[in-house]
Amino acid sequence: MTSPFASRDDLAADQVEEGAAFAPKFDAAGLIPAIVTDVATGEVLMFAWMNAEALEATLRDGLATFYSRSRQSLWRKGETSGETLMVVECLTDCDQDVIWLKVTPQGKGAACHTGRKSCFYRMVRLKDGQAMLEPGPAAQRLFDPKDVYGR
């Protein structure tokens, strides 16, 4: 199967930054970072990794698909919980080494496996010289992970 992505070897720097060819820059492990935000609110929902297969599946199917480094396999967000992420827009940065997915969360709207809307549900604060975590605006659970994942 041929890749839908252009080869970076064939592109000059100005073509990467200004041209129409999409040539994502995967790291040595074959991964590219992906930032996911809610298209309606702009809120950052999660960060994950994609390999070429996950990125291609995301573009083809319109559902956020990632690569699990721990399981060494593709992971379609929400395949267990039903909390899928419908991709509205896929962007890349000037170097094409980061992906930004603007999504519409499905189900109850939880993008985090902890049952929260966002994986960024804790604020880091200094308290008496010690870095501490406090609940942030997205701390409320939308579902109980024990009910969904059985753990």
Protein backbone atom coordinates (compact mmCIF):
# COMPACT_ATOMS: atom_id res chain seq x y z
CA MET A 1 0.00 0.00 0.00
CA THR A 2 1.41 3.39 -0.95
CA SER A 3 1.49 6.25 1.49
CA PRO A 4 -0.73 9.27 0.81
CA PHE A 5 2.01 11.49 2.25
CA ALA A 6 4.73 13.21 0.27
CA SER A 7 8.34 12.26 0.92
CA ARG A 8 10.26 14.89 2.87
CA ASP A 9 13.38 13.92 0.91
CA ASP A 10 11.79 15.37 -2.21
CA LEU A 11 10.96 18.76 -0.67
CA ALA A 12 13.06 21.83 0.00
CA ALA A 13 12.51 23.66 3.31
CA ASP A 14 10.42 26.38 1.65
CA GLN A 15 8.20 23.70 0.09
CA VAL A 16 7.66 22.12 3.53
CA GLU A 17 6.75 25.51 5.02
CA GLU A 18 4.77 27.02 2.15
CA GLY A 19 3.91 24.29 -0.35
CA ALA A 20 0.77 22.20 -0.76
CA ALA A 21 2.43 18.79 -0.28
CA PHE A 22 1.73 17.17 3.10
CA ALA A 23 4.96 15.51 4.23
CA PRO A 24 4.64 14.90 7.97
CA LYS A 25 7.92 14.64 9.88
CA PHE A 26 7.77 11.50 11.99
CA ASP A 27 10.41 11.04 14.69
CA ALA A 28 12.97 8.20 14.86
CA ALA A 29 10.27 5.91 16.31
CA GLY A 30 7.93 6.73 13.41
CA LEU A 31 5.66 8.94 15.52
CA ILE A 32 4.32 12.48 15.35
CA PRO A 33 2.75 14.37 18.28
CA ALA A 34 -0.94 15.26 18.04
CA ILE A 35 -2.72 17.98 20.01
CA VAL A 36 -6.50 17.63 20.20
CA THR A 37 -8.87 20.53 20.89
CA ASP A 38 -12.64 20.93 21.03
CA VAL A 39 -13.65 22.77 17.85
CA ALA A 40 -16.54 24.53 19.64
CA THR A 41 -14.64 25.81 22.70
CA GLY A 42 -10.96 25.71 21.77
CA GLU A 43 -10.24 23.74 24.96
CA VAL A 44 -7.27 21.39 24.81
CA LEU A 45 -8.66 17.89 25.29
CA MET A 46 -5.64 15.64 25.02
CA PHE A 47 -2.20 14.94 23.60
CA ALA A 48 -1.31 11.66 21.90
CA TRP A 49 1.03 10.14 19.35
CA MET A 50 0.25 9.08 15.79
CA ASN A 51 2.16 6.89 13.40
CA ALA A 52 1.62 7.08 9.63
CA GLU A 53 -1.13 4.45 9.76
CA ALA A 54 -3.02 6.29 12.52
CA LEU A 55 -2.73 9.62 10.71
CA GLU A 56 -3.94 8.09 7.46
CA ALA A 57 -6.90 6.40 9.23
CA THR A 58 -7.81 9.69 10.92
CA LEU A 59 -7.82 11.56 7.61
CA ARG A 60 -9.68 8.79 5.78
CA ASP A 61 -12.35 7.99 8.40
CA GLY A 62 -12.76 11.32 10.19
CA LEU A 63 -12.37 9.66 13.60
CA ALA A 64 -9.33 10.42 15.77
CA THR A 65 -7.00 7.42 15.72
CA PHE A 66 -3.70 7.30 17.57
CA TYR A 67 -0.78 4.98 18.20
CA SER A 68 -0.44 3.48 21.67
CA ARG A 69 3.22 3.28 22.61
CA SER A 70 2.44 0.97 25.55
CA ARG A 71 0.34 -1.47 23.50
CA GLN A 72 2.35 -0.95 20.30
CA SER A 73 -0.87 -0.77 18.29
CA LEU A 74 -3.41 1.58 16.75
CA TRP A 75 -5.96 3.00 19.12
CA ARG A 76 -9.18 4.55 17.87
CA LYS A 77 -10.21 7.01 20.55
CA GLY A 78 -13.48 5.89 22.11
CA GLU A 79 -13.52 2.34 20.72
CA THR A 80 -14.18 0.98 24.24
CA SER A 81 -15.94 3.90 25.93
CA GLY A 82 -17.98 5.20 22.99
CA GLU A 83 -16.37 8.62 23.54
CA THR A 84 -15.14 9.02 19.96
CA LEU A 85 -13.70 12.22 18.55
CA MET A 86 -15.08 13.34 15.17
CA VAL A 87 -12.39 15.26 13.32
CA VAL A 88 -13.58 18.58 11.93
CA GLU A 89 -10.19 19.89 10.90
CA CYS A 90 -6.62 18.57 10.80
CA LEU A 91 -3.80 21.10 10.78
CA THR A 92 -0.03 20.89 10.88
CA ASP A 93 2.60 23.42 11.92
CA CYS A 94 5.17 25.16 9.73
CA ASP A 95 7.65 22.26 9.95
CA GLN A 96 4.94 19.61 9.57
CA ASP A 97 6.21 17.90 12.73
CA VAL A 98 3.08 18.35 14.90
CA ILE A 99 -0.57 17.57 14.18
CA TRP A 100 -3.48 19.59 15.58
CA LEU A 101 -6.90 17.96 15.46
CA LYS A 102 -9.98 20.10 16.00
CA VAL A 103 -12.72 17.70 17.01
CA THR A 104 -16.31 17.35 18.10
CA PRO A 105 -16.45 14.97 21.08
CA GLN A 106 -19.18 12.31 20.87
CA GLY A 107 -20.96 10.37 23.61
CA LYS A 108 -20.93 12.21 26.94
CA GLY A 109 -18.09 14.41 25.71
CA ALA A 110 -15.23 12.85 27.69
CA ALA A 111 -11.90 12.79 25.88
CA CYS A 112 -9.94 11.46 28.87
CA HIS A 113 -9.88 7.81 29.95
CA THR A 114 -10.49 9.07 33.52
CA GLY A 115 -14.00 10.08 32.43
CA ARG A 116 -13.29 13.80 32.19
CA LYS A 117 -13.79 16.16 29.27
CA SER A 118 -10.07 16.92 29.08
CA CYS A 119 -6.92 15.08 30.10
CA PHE A 120 -5.76 18.46 31.42
CA TYR A 121 -7.96 18.52 34.52
CA ARG A 122 -5.34 19.47 37.13
CA MET A 123 -3.54 22.75 37.72
CA VAL A 124 0.08 22.81 38.87
CA ARG A 125 0.68 25.34 41.64
CA LEU A 126 3.57 26.20 43.93
CA LYS A 127 2.54 25.96 47.58
CA ASP A 128 5.22 26.68 50.17
CA GLY A 129 7.90 26.01 47.56
CA GLN A 130 6.44 22.61 46.62
CA ALA A 131 4.75 21.91 43.29
CA MET A 132 1.25 20.59 43.98
CA LEU A 133 -1.73 19.54 41.88
CA GLU A 134 -5.19 21.04 42.33
CA PRO A 135 -8.44 20.30 40.49
CA GLY A 136 -8.88 22.46 37.41
CA PRO A 137 -11.98 23.51 35.47
CA ALA A 138 -12.29 20.11 33.76
CA ALA A 139 -12.03 18.04 36.98
CA GLN A 140 -15.65 16.84 37.01
CA ARG A 141 -16.12 13.30 35.68
CA LEU A 142 -18.63 12.73 32.91
CA PHE A 143 -18.53 8.96 33.45
CA ASP A 144 -17.05 6.52 35.94
CA PRO A 145 -14.13 4.66 34.34
CA LYS A 146 -14.83 1.58 36.51
CA ASP A 147 -18.25 1.26 34.87
CA VAL A 148 -16.78 1.59 31.38
CA TYR A 149 -13.42 -0.19 31.62
CA GLY A 150 -14.01 -2.43 34.63
CA ARG A 151 -10.89 -1.19 36.41
